[in-house]
Amino acid sequence: MSVETIRRGRRFDFQVVRETLPTGRVIEREVVRHPGAAVVLALDDAGRIAMIRNWRVAVGRWVWELPAGTLEPSEPADRCAARELEEEAGLRAARLEHLGVFYTTPGMTDERMHAFLATGLARVGQRLEDDERIEVHPTPVHEALAMIDDGRLMDAKSMLAILLAHRRGLLPDA
């Protein structure tokens, strides 16, 4: 196997990976190298999920999501989750429960996403980066599940975090 870095980005590296298959055929894949990320399902005392509407340049539209972000170098996933929850939703959690870890899109990146449930929430105010456009919408669990069903919520990391918590009985009855 050979690896060629074709671009070093601000947060991600872009590589061409060449690998020889058992048949002798050489394949080439473009890969995004990612430091990992965290997504946070923040559940308030009224049983609402802190959903956000986030302007996403890559798709050219507003996207419904849960707060999430990329790990800083050597940052533990739970710290990243807490930081992103404060920055994007303006909330601080008394408790974070790890729901699981998954690859986001293993056909093109090695990104590993850690999902957390946040409870015991307190408002601290958003701290958006200057290029972020994010609106916070407290959403009842039944509505978040309906958004998955009807296609309004298309963000896979958010869908999976909600469904993991729901399957484990960690969300109020929808």
N, C-alpha and C. Protein backbone atom coordinates (compact mmCIF):
# COMPACT_ATOMS: atom_id res chain seq x y z
N MET A 1 0.85 -1.17 0.00
CA MET A 1 0.00 0.00 0.00
C MET A 1 0.90 1.24 0.00
N SER A 2 0.47 2.25 -0.76
CA SER A 2 1.18 3.52 -0.74
C SER A 2 0.17 4.63 -0.47
N VAL A 3 0.65 5.67 0.18
CA VAL A 3 -0.20 6.80 0.56
C VAL A 3 0.49 8.08 0.13
N GLU A 4 -0.25 8.92 -0.57
CA GLU A 4 0.27 10.21 -1.00
C GLU A 4 -0.67 11.30 -0.48
N THR A 5 -0.15 12.22 0.34
CA THR A 5 -0.97 13.33 0.80
C THR A 5 -0.99 14.37 -0.31
N ILE A 6 -2.20 14.65 -0.80
CA ILE A 6 -2.32 15.60 -1.92
C ILE A 6 -2.67 17.01 -1.45
N ARG A 7 -3.21 17.12 -0.21
CA ARG A 7 -3.48 18.43 0.35
C ARG A 7 -3.63 18.32 1.85
N ARG A 8 -2.99 19.23 2.55
CA ARG A 8 -3.18 19.35 4.00
C ARG A 8 -4.16 20.49 4.22
N GLY A 9 -5.28 20.16 4.82
CA GLY A 9 -6.29 21.17 5.08
C GLY A 9 -6.17 21.72 6.49
N ARG A 10 -7.02 22.69 6.78
CA ARG A 10 -7.02 23.31 8.12
C ARG A 10 -7.36 22.27 9.18
N ARG A 11 -8.29 21.37 8.87
CA ARG A 11 -8.70 20.34 9.83
C ARG A 11 -8.49 18.92 9.33
N PHE A 12 -8.50 18.73 8.01
CA PHE A 12 -8.44 17.39 7.43
C PHE A 12 -7.32 17.33 6.41
N ASP A 13 -6.80 16.12 6.20
CA ASP A 13 -5.84 15.88 5.13
C ASP A 13 -6.51 15.05 4.05
N PHE A 14 -6.08 15.26 2.82
CA PHE A 14 -6.63 14.56 1.67
C PHE A 14 -5.52 13.71 1.07
N GLN A 15 -5.79 12.42 0.92
CA GLN A 15 -4.76 11.50 0.46
C GLN A 15 -5.27 10.64 -0.69
N VAL A 16 -4.31 10.16 -1.47
CA VAL A 16 -4.58 9.12 -2.45
C VAL A 16 -3.92 7.86 -1.91
N VAL A 17 -4.72 6.81 -1.74
CA VAL A 17 -4.23 5.53 -1.21
C VAL A 17 -4.27 4.52 -2.36
N ARG A 18 -3.13 3.88 -2.59
CA ARG A 18 -3.04 2.83 -3.61
C ARG A 18 -2.78 1.51 -2.90
N GLU A 19 -3.58 0.51 -3.26
CA GLU A 19 -3.48 -0.79 -2.60
C GLU A 19 -3.57 -1.89 -3.66
N THR A 20 -2.77 -2.92 -3.46
CA THR A 20 -2.79 -4.05 -4.38
C THR A 20 -3.73 -5.12 -3.83
N LEU A 21 -4.72 -5.47 -4.63
CA LEU A 21 -5.68 -6.51 -4.26
C LEU A 21 -5.03 -7.89 -4.37
N PRO A 22 -5.60 -8.92 -3.74
CA PRO A 22 -5.05 -10.28 -3.86
C PRO A 22 -4.92 -10.75 -5.31
N THR A 23 -5.74 -10.19 -6.20
CA THR A 23 -5.68 -10.56 -7.62
C THR A 23 -4.50 -9.92 -8.34
N GLY A 24 -3.81 -8.99 -7.65
CA GLY A 24 -2.70 -8.27 -8.27
C GLY A 24 -3.11 -6.92 -8.83
N ARG A 25 -4.39 -6.70 -8.94
CA ARG A 25 -4.89 -5.41 -9.45
C ARG A 25 -4.65 -4.31 -8.42
N VAL A 26 -4.18 -3.15 -8.88
CA VAL A 26 -3.94 -2.01 -8.00
C VAL A 26 -5.15 -1.08 -8.09
N ILE A 27 -5.68 -0.73 -6.91
CA ILE A 27 -6.77 0.21 -6.85
C ILE A 27 -6.28 1.52 -6.23
N GLU A 28 -6.97 2.58 -6.54
CA GLU A 28 -6.61 3.89 -6.03
C GLU A 28 -7.87 4.53 -5.45
N ARG A 29 -7.77 5.04 -4.25
CA ARG A 29 -8.90 5.69 -3.59
C ARG A 29 -8.45 7.04 -3.04
N GLU A 30 -9.33 8.03 -3.14
CA GLU A 30 -9.11 9.31 -2.50
C GLU A 30 -9.75 9.25 -1.13
N VAL A 31 -9.00 9.63 -0.10
CA VAL A 31 -9.44 9.46 1.28
C VAL A 31 -9.26 10.77 2.05
N VAL A 32 -10.25 11.09 2.88
CA VAL A 32 -10.15 12.22 3.79
C VAL A 32 -9.72 11.68 5.15
N ARG A 33 -8.60 12.16 5.66
CA ARG A 33 -8.12 11.76 7.00
C ARG A 33 -8.67 12.76 8.00
N HIS A 34 -9.36 12.24 9.01
CA HIS A 34 -10.13 13.08 9.92
C HIS A 34 -9.73 12.77 11.37
N PRO A 35 -9.61 13.78 12.24
CA PRO A 35 -9.20 13.53 13.62
C PRO A 35 -10.30 12.96 14.52
N GLY A 36 -11.53 12.86 14.01
CA GLY A 36 -12.64 12.37 14.82
C GLY A 36 -13.54 13.52 15.23
N ALA A 37 -14.72 13.17 15.74
CA ALA A 37 -15.71 14.19 16.07
C ALA A 37 -16.65 13.67 17.15
N ALA A 38 -17.50 14.58 17.63
CA ALA A 38 -18.51 14.23 18.63
C ALA A 38 -19.83 14.88 18.23
N VAL A 39 -20.93 14.18 18.51
CA VAL A 39 -22.28 14.69 18.31
C VAL A 39 -23.02 14.56 19.64
N VAL A 40 -23.87 15.56 19.95
CA VAL A 40 -24.50 15.62 21.26
C VAL A 40 -26.01 15.73 21.14
N LEU A 41 -26.71 14.77 21.75
CA LEU A 41 -28.15 14.83 21.88
C LEU A 41 -28.42 15.43 23.26
N ALA A 42 -28.77 16.71 23.27
CA ALA A 42 -29.03 17.42 24.53
C ALA A 42 -30.53 17.36 24.82
N LEU A 43 -30.88 16.79 25.96
CA LEU A 43 -32.27 16.58 26.34
C LEU A 43 -32.58 17.44 27.57
N ASP A 44 -33.52 18.38 27.42
CA ASP A 44 -33.84 19.26 28.55
C ASP A 44 -34.85 18.61 29.49
N ASP A 45 -35.13 19.27 30.61
CA ASP A 45 -36.02 18.72 31.63
C ASP A 45 -37.46 18.59 31.13
N ALA A 46 -37.82 19.32 30.07
CA ALA A 46 -39.17 19.23 29.50
C ALA A 46 -39.26 18.12 28.45
N GLY A 47 -38.17 17.38 28.26
CA GLY A 47 -38.17 16.28 27.30
C GLY A 47 -37.98 16.72 25.86
N ARG A 48 -37.35 17.88 25.66
CA ARG A 48 -37.10 18.38 24.31
C ARG A 48 -35.62 18.22 23.96
N ILE A 49 -35.40 17.97 22.69
CA ILE A 49 -34.04 17.82 22.16
C ILE A 49 -33.59 19.17 21.60
N ALA A 50 -32.36 19.56 21.89
CA ALA A 50 -31.81 20.80 21.33
C ALA A 50 -31.36 20.54 19.90
N MET A 51 -32.31 20.73 18.97
CA MET A 51 -31.99 20.61 17.55
C MET A 51 -31.45 21.95 17.07
N ILE A 52 -30.59 21.90 16.06
CA ILE A 52 -30.10 23.14 15.47
C ILE A 52 -30.38 23.12 13.97
N ARG A 53 -30.55 24.30 13.41
CA ARG A 53 -30.57 24.48 11.97
C ARG A 53 -29.25 25.13 11.65
N ASN A 54 -28.49 24.48 10.78
CA ASN A 54 -27.11 24.87 10.50
C ASN A 54 -26.98 25.11 8.99
N TRP A 55 -26.48 26.27 8.60
CA TRP A 55 -26.24 26.51 7.18
C TRP A 55 -25.02 25.70 6.76
N ARG A 56 -25.20 24.80 5.78
CA ARG A 56 -24.12 23.93 5.32
C ARG A 56 -23.75 24.28 3.89
N VAL A 57 -22.55 24.81 3.73
CA VAL A 57 -22.05 25.24 2.43
C VAL A 57 -22.00 24.05 1.46
N ALA A 58 -21.58 22.89 1.94
CA ALA A 58 -21.40 21.72 1.06
C ALA A 58 -22.68 21.33 0.33
N VAL A 59 -23.84 21.53 0.97
CA VAL A 59 -25.10 21.19 0.32
C VAL A 59 -25.91 22.42 -0.05
N GLY A 60 -25.43 23.60 0.31
CA GLY A 60 -26.07 24.84 -0.08
C GLY A 60 -27.45 25.05 0.50
N ARG A 61 -27.64 24.61 1.76
CA ARG A 61 -28.95 24.76 2.39
C ARG A 61 -28.85 24.65 3.90
N TRP A 62 -29.93 25.02 4.58
CA TRP A 62 -30.05 24.82 6.01
C TRP A 62 -30.31 23.34 6.26
N VAL A 63 -29.63 22.79 7.27
CA VAL A 63 -29.75 21.38 7.60
C VAL A 63 -30.11 21.25 9.08
N TRP A 64 -31.10 20.42 9.38
CA TRP A 64 -31.42 20.09 10.78
C TRP A 64 -30.37 19.13 11.30
N GLU A 65 -29.86 19.39 12.49
CA GLU A 65 -28.80 18.58 13.08
C GLU A 65 -28.88 18.63 14.60
N LEU A 66 -28.01 17.85 15.22
CA LEU A 66 -27.66 18.00 16.62
C LEU A 66 -26.33 18.72 16.68
N PRO A 67 -26.01 19.41 17.78
CA PRO A 67 -24.70 20.03 17.91
C PRO A 67 -23.59 18.98 17.76
N ALA A 68 -22.55 19.36 17.05
CA ALA A 68 -21.44 18.43 16.79
C ALA A 68 -20.22 19.21 16.36
N GLY A 69 -19.07 18.55 16.43
CA GLY A 69 -17.86 19.19 15.95
C GLY A 69 -16.67 18.27 15.97
N THR A 70 -15.59 18.78 15.41
CA THR A 70 -14.35 18.04 15.23
C THR A 70 -13.49 18.12 16.49
N LEU A 71 -12.87 17.00 16.84
CA LEU A 71 -11.95 16.97 17.98
C LEU A 71 -10.71 17.80 17.67
N GLU A 72 -10.27 18.55 18.66
CA GLU A 72 -8.98 19.24 18.58
C GLU A 72 -7.89 18.20 18.84
N PRO A 73 -6.64 18.49 18.46
CA PRO A 73 -5.57 17.52 18.70
C PRO A 73 -5.52 17.08 20.17
N SER A 74 -5.51 15.78 20.40
CA SER A 74 -5.46 15.11 21.71
C SER A 74 -6.64 15.44 22.63
N GLU A 75 -7.72 15.99 22.10
CA GLU A 75 -8.90 16.31 22.91
C GLU A 75 -9.75 15.07 23.10
N PRO A 76 -10.12 14.73 24.33
CA PRO A 76 -11.04 13.61 24.54
C PRO A 76 -12.41 13.91 23.93
N ALA A 77 -13.10 12.88 23.48
CA ALA A 77 -14.38 13.06 22.81
C ALA A 77 -15.42 13.72 23.71
N ASP A 78 -15.43 13.39 25.00
CA ASP A 78 -16.42 14.01 25.89
C ASP A 78 -16.18 15.50 26.06
N ARG A 79 -14.93 15.92 26.06
CA ARG A 79 -14.64 17.36 26.14
C ARG A 79 -15.07 18.08 24.88
N CYS A 80 -14.85 17.44 23.74
CA CYS A 80 -15.30 18.01 22.47
C CYS A 80 -16.82 18.15 22.48
N ALA A 81 -17.51 17.13 22.95
CA ALA A 81 -18.97 17.17 23.00
C ALA A 81 -19.45 18.33 23.87
N ALA A 82 -18.86 18.47 25.04
CA ALA A 82 -19.24 19.56 25.95
C ALA A 82 -18.95 20.93 25.32
N ARG A 83 -17.81 21.06 24.68
CA ARG A 83 -17.42 22.32 24.04
C ARG A 83 -18.38 22.68 22.92
N GLU A 84 -18.68 21.72 22.06
CA GLU A 84 -19.57 21.98 20.92
C GLU A 84 -20.99 22.29 21.38
N LEU A 85 -21.45 21.63 22.43
CA LEU A 85 -22.78 21.90 22.97
C LEU A 85 -22.88 23.35 23.43
N GLU A 86 -21.84 23.83 24.11
CA GLU A 86 -21.83 25.22 24.56
C GLU A 86 -21.74 26.18 23.38
N GLU A 87 -20.80 25.91 22.47
CA GLU A 87 -20.59 26.82 21.35
C GLU A 87 -21.82 26.92 20.45
N GLU A 88 -22.37 25.78 20.04
CA GLU A 88 -23.43 25.78 19.04
C GLU A 88 -24.83 25.95 19.60
N ALA A 89 -25.11 25.39 20.77
CA ALA A 89 -26.46 25.46 21.33
C ALA A 89 -26.55 26.38 22.54
N GLY A 90 -25.42 26.82 23.06
CA GLY A 90 -25.44 27.70 24.23
C GLY A 90 -25.87 26.99 25.49
N LEU A 91 -25.56 25.68 25.59
CA LEU A 91 -25.97 24.87 26.73
C LEU A 91 -24.77 24.19 27.39
N ARG A 92 -24.82 24.08 28.71
CA ARG A 92 -23.82 23.32 29.46
C ARG A 92 -24.55 22.15 30.10
N ALA A 93 -23.94 20.96 30.03
CA ALA A 93 -24.55 19.74 30.57
C ALA A 93 -23.92 19.35 31.89
N ALA A 94 -24.75 18.95 32.85
CA ALA A 94 -24.25 18.41 34.11
C ALA A 94 -23.76 16.98 33.90
N ARG A 95 -24.38 16.26 32.92
CA ARG A 95 -24.02 14.86 32.68
C ARG A 95 -23.92 14.59 31.18
N LEU A 96 -22.91 13.82 30.81
CA LEU A 96 -22.75 13.33 29.44
C LEU A 96 -22.66 11.81 29.51
N GLU A 97 -23.50 11.15 28.73
CA GLU A 97 -23.48 9.68 28.67
C GLU A 97 -23.10 9.26 27.26
N HIS A 98 -22.08 8.43 27.15
CA HIS A 98 -21.60 7.96 25.85
C HIS A 98 -22.61 6.97 25.27
N LEU A 99 -23.07 7.25 24.05
CA LEU A 99 -24.05 6.37 23.39
C LEU A 99 -23.39 5.38 22.44
N GLY A 100 -22.21 5.73 21.93
CA GLY A 100 -21.54 4.84 21.00
C GLY A 100 -20.58 5.60 20.09
N VAL A 101 -19.89 4.84 19.28
CA VAL A 101 -18.95 5.41 18.31
C VAL A 101 -19.17 4.71 16.98
N PHE A 102 -19.03 5.45 15.90
CA PHE A 102 -19.29 4.89 14.58
C PHE A 102 -18.47 5.64 13.53
N TYR A 103 -18.24 4.96 12.41
CA TYR A 103 -17.64 5.62 11.24
C TYR A 103 -18.75 6.36 10.51
N THR A 104 -18.48 7.59 10.11
CA THR A 104 -19.52 8.38 9.44
C THR A 104 -19.71 7.94 7.99
N THR A 105 -18.65 7.84 7.24
CA THR A 105 -18.72 7.45 5.83
C THR A 105 -17.43 6.74 5.47
N PRO A 106 -17.30 5.45 5.84
CA PRO A 106 -16.04 4.74 5.67
C PRO A 106 -15.63 4.51 4.23
N GLY A 107 -16.47 4.81 3.28
CA GLY A 107 -16.08 4.71 1.88
C GLY A 107 -15.18 5.85 1.43
N MET A 108 -15.11 6.92 2.25
CA MET A 108 -14.29 8.06 1.83
C MET A 108 -13.46 8.70 2.95
N THR A 109 -13.73 8.33 4.21
CA THR A 109 -12.99 8.95 5.32
C THR A 109 -12.85 7.98 6.49
N ASP A 110 -11.85 8.24 7.33
CA ASP A 110 -11.65 7.43 8.54
C ASP A 110 -12.27 8.11 9.77
N GLU A 111 -13.14 9.11 9.56
CA GLU A 111 -13.76 9.84 10.66
C GLU A 111 -14.54 8.89 11.57
N ARG A 112 -14.23 8.98 12.87
CA ARG A 112 -14.97 8.25 13.91
C ARG A 112 -15.74 9.29 14.72
N MET A 113 -17.04 9.08 14.81
CA MET A 113 -17.92 10.00 15.52
C MET A 113 -18.35 9.37 16.84
N HIS A 114 -18.23 10.12 17.92
CA HIS A 114 -18.67 9.70 19.25
C HIS A 114 -20.00 10.38 19.54
N ALA A 115 -21.02 9.61 19.90
CA ALA A 115 -22.33 10.16 20.20
C ALA A 115 -22.54 10.19 21.72
N PHE A 116 -23.12 11.29 22.20
CA PHE A 116 -23.36 11.49 23.63
C PHE A 116 -24.78 11.96 23.87
N LEU A 117 -25.33 11.58 25.02
CA LEU A 117 -26.57 12.13 25.54
C LEU A 117 -26.18 13.12 26.64
N ALA A 118 -26.68 14.35 26.54
CA ALA A 118 -26.39 15.39 27.53
C ALA A 118 -27.67 15.70 28.30
N THR A 119 -27.57 15.72 29.63
CA THR A 119 -28.72 16.05 30.48
C THR A 119 -28.26 17.01 31.58
N GLY A 120 -29.22 17.50 32.35
CA GLY A 120 -28.91 18.49 33.38
C GLY A 120 -28.41 19.77 32.73
N LEU A 121 -29.20 20.31 31.81
CA LEU A 121 -28.76 21.42 30.97
C LEU A 121 -28.95 22.78 31.65
N ALA A 122 -28.01 23.66 31.39
CA ALA A 122 -28.09 25.06 31.84
C ALA A 122 -27.73 25.94 30.65
N ARG A 123 -28.46 27.05 30.49
CA ARG A 123 -28.17 28.00 29.40
C ARG A 123 -26.94 28.82 29.75
N VAL A 124 -26.02 28.90 28.79
CA VAL A 124 -24.82 29.72 28.97
C VAL A 124 -24.60 30.67 27.80
N GLY A 125 -25.40 30.56 26.76
CA GLY A 125 -25.27 31.43 25.59
C GLY A 125 -24.35 30.84 24.53
N GLN A 126 -24.76 30.98 23.28
CA GLN A 126 -23.96 30.47 22.15
C GLN A 126 -22.64 31.22 22.05
N ARG A 127 -21.63 30.53 21.54
CA ARG A 127 -20.34 31.13 21.20
C ARG A 127 -19.97 30.67 19.79
N LEU A 128 -20.69 31.16 18.81
CA LEU A 128 -20.48 30.73 17.43
C LEU A 128 -19.18 31.29 16.89
N GLU A 129 -18.55 30.49 16.00
CA GLU A 129 -17.40 30.98 15.26
C GLU A 129 -17.93 31.97 14.22
N ASP A 130 -17.07 32.85 13.73
CA ASP A 130 -17.53 33.93 12.85
C ASP A 130 -18.12 33.44 11.53
N ASP A 131 -17.84 32.21 11.14
CA ASP A 131 -18.39 31.68 9.89
C ASP A 131 -19.59 30.75 10.10
N GLU A 132 -20.08 30.63 11.34
CA GLU A 132 -21.20 29.73 11.63
C GLU A 132 -22.52 30.48 11.64
N ARG A 133 -23.53 29.84 11.06
CA ARG A 133 -24.91 30.35 11.08
C ARG A 133 -25.76 29.22 11.64
N ILE A 134 -26.10 29.31 12.91
CA ILE A 134 -26.79 28.23 13.61
C ILE A 134 -27.95 28.80 14.43
N GLU A 135 -29.13 28.18 14.26
CA GLU A 135 -30.31 28.52 15.05
C GLU A 135 -30.65 27.32 15.94
N VAL A 136 -30.98 27.57 17.20
CA VAL A 136 -31.34 26.50 18.14
C VAL A 136 -32.86 26.38 18.22
N HIS A 137 -33.35 25.15 18.15
CA HIS A 137 -34.79 24.87 18.21
C HIS A 137 -35.05 23.71 19.17
N PRO A 138 -35.53 23.99 20.40
CA PRO A 138 -35.93 22.89 21.29
C PRO A 138 -37.09 22.13 20.64
N THR A 139 -36.90 20.82 20.49
CA THR A 139 -37.83 20.01 19.70
C THR A 139 -38.29 18.80 20.52
N PRO A 140 -39.61 18.62 20.66
CA PRO A 140 -40.09 17.43 21.37
C PRO A 140 -39.57 16.15 20.69
N VAL A 141 -39.36 15.11 21.48
CA VAL A 141 -38.84 13.85 20.95
C VAL A 141 -39.71 13.32 19.82
N HIS A 142 -41.03 13.35 20.00
CA HIS A 142 -41.92 12.82 18.95
C HIS A 142 -41.74 13.59 17.64
N GLU A 143 -41.46 14.88 17.73
CA GLU A 143 -41.25 15.67 16.52
C GLU A 143 -39.91 15.33 15.86
N ALA A 144 -38.86 15.13 16.67
CA ALA A 144 -37.55 14.75 16.12
C ALA A 144 -37.65 13.41 15.40
N LEU A 145 -38.39 12.46 15.98
CA LEU A 145 -38.58 11.17 15.33
C LEU A 145 -39.39 11.32 14.04
N ALA A 146 -40.40 12.19 14.06
CA ALA A 146 -41.18 12.45 12.84
C ALA A 146 -40.31 13.08 11.77
N MET A 147 -39.36 13.93 12.16
CA MET A 147 -38.45 14.57 11.21
C MET A 147 -37.56 13.52 10.52
N ILE A 148 -37.20 12.48 11.25
CA ILE A 148 -36.45 11.39 10.63
C ILE A 148 -37.34 10.67 9.62
N ASP A 149 -38.57 10.37 10.05
CA ASP A 149 -39.49 9.62 9.20
C ASP A 149 -39.87 10.36 7.93
N ASP A 150 -40.07 11.68 8.02
CA ASP A 150 -40.55 12.41 6.85
C ASP A 150 -39.45 13.09 6.03
N GLY A 151 -38.19 12.89 6.43
CA GLY A 151 -37.08 13.38 5.63
C GLY A 151 -36.62 14.80 5.92
N ARG A 152 -37.24 15.47 6.88
CA ARG A 152 -36.74 16.80 7.24
C ARG A 152 -35.36 16.71 7.90
N LEU A 153 -35.15 15.67 8.70
CA LEU A 153 -33.85 15.42 9.33
C LEU A 153 -33.12 14.40 8.48
N MET A 154 -32.10 14.87 7.76
CA MET A 154 -31.35 14.01 6.84
C MET A 154 -29.91 13.80 7.29
N ASP A 155 -29.50 14.45 8.37
CA ASP A 155 -28.13 14.35 8.85
C ASP A 155 -27.93 13.03 9.59
N ALA A 156 -27.07 12.17 9.06
CA ALA A 156 -26.93 10.81 9.56
C ALA A 156 -26.46 10.75 11.01
N LYS A 157 -25.50 11.58 11.38
CA LYS A 157 -24.99 11.52 12.75
C LYS A 157 -26.08 11.85 13.76
N SER A 158 -26.92 12.82 13.41
CA SER A 158 -28.01 13.23 14.30
C SER A 158 -29.09 12.16 14.36
N MET A 159 -29.43 11.61 13.21
CA MET A 159 -30.42 10.53 13.17
C MET A 159 -29.96 9.36 14.03
N LEU A 160 -28.70 8.98 13.87
CA LEU A 160 -28.20 7.82 14.60
C LEU A 160 -28.16 8.08 16.10
N ALA A 161 -27.72 9.25 16.53
CA ALA A 161 -27.68 9.55 17.96
C ALA A 161 -29.08 9.50 18.56
N ILE A 162 -30.06 10.07 17.87
CA ILE A 162 -31.44 10.04 18.36
C ILE A 162 -31.95 8.60 18.43
N LEU A 163 -31.71 7.83 17.39
CA LEU A 163 -32.20 6.44 17.37
C LEU A 163 -31.49 5.57 18.40
N LEU A 164 -30.20 5.79 18.62
CA LEU A 164 -29.49 5.03 19.67
C LEU A 164 -30.10 5.30 21.03
N ALA A 165 -30.31 6.57 21.34
CA ALA A 165 -30.90 6.93 22.64
C ALA A 165 -32.32 6.39 22.76
N HIS A 166 -33.09 6.49 21.70
CA HIS A 166 -34.47 6.01 21.70
C HIS A 166 -34.53 4.50 21.94
N ARG A 167 -33.70 3.74 21.22
CA ARG A 167 -33.69 2.28 21.36
C ARG A 167 -33.28 1.84 22.75
N ARG A 168 -32.46 2.64 23.41
CA ARG A 168 -32.00 2.30 24.77
C ARG A 168 -32.96 2.78 25.84
N GLY A 169 -34.06 3.39 25.44
CA GLY A 169 -35.04 3.86 26.42
C GLY A 169 -34.60 5.09 27.17
N LEU A 170 -33.70 5.88 26.60
CA LEU A 170 -33.16 7.05 27.30
C LEU A 170 -33.95 8.32 27.00
N LEU A 171 -34.91 8.24 26.09
CA LEU A 171 -35.73 9.39 25.73
C LEU A 171 -37.14 9.20 26.27
N PRO A 172 -37.82 10.29 26.62
CA PRO A 172 -39.20 10.15 27.07
C PRO A 172 -40.07 9.58 25.96
N ASP A 173 -41.19 8.99 26.34
CA ASP A 173 -42.09 8.40 25.36
C ASP A 173 -42.45 9.41 24.28
N ALA A 174 -42.34 8.93 23.05
CA ALA A 174 -42.66 9.80 21.92
C ALA A 174 -44.13 9.73 21.69
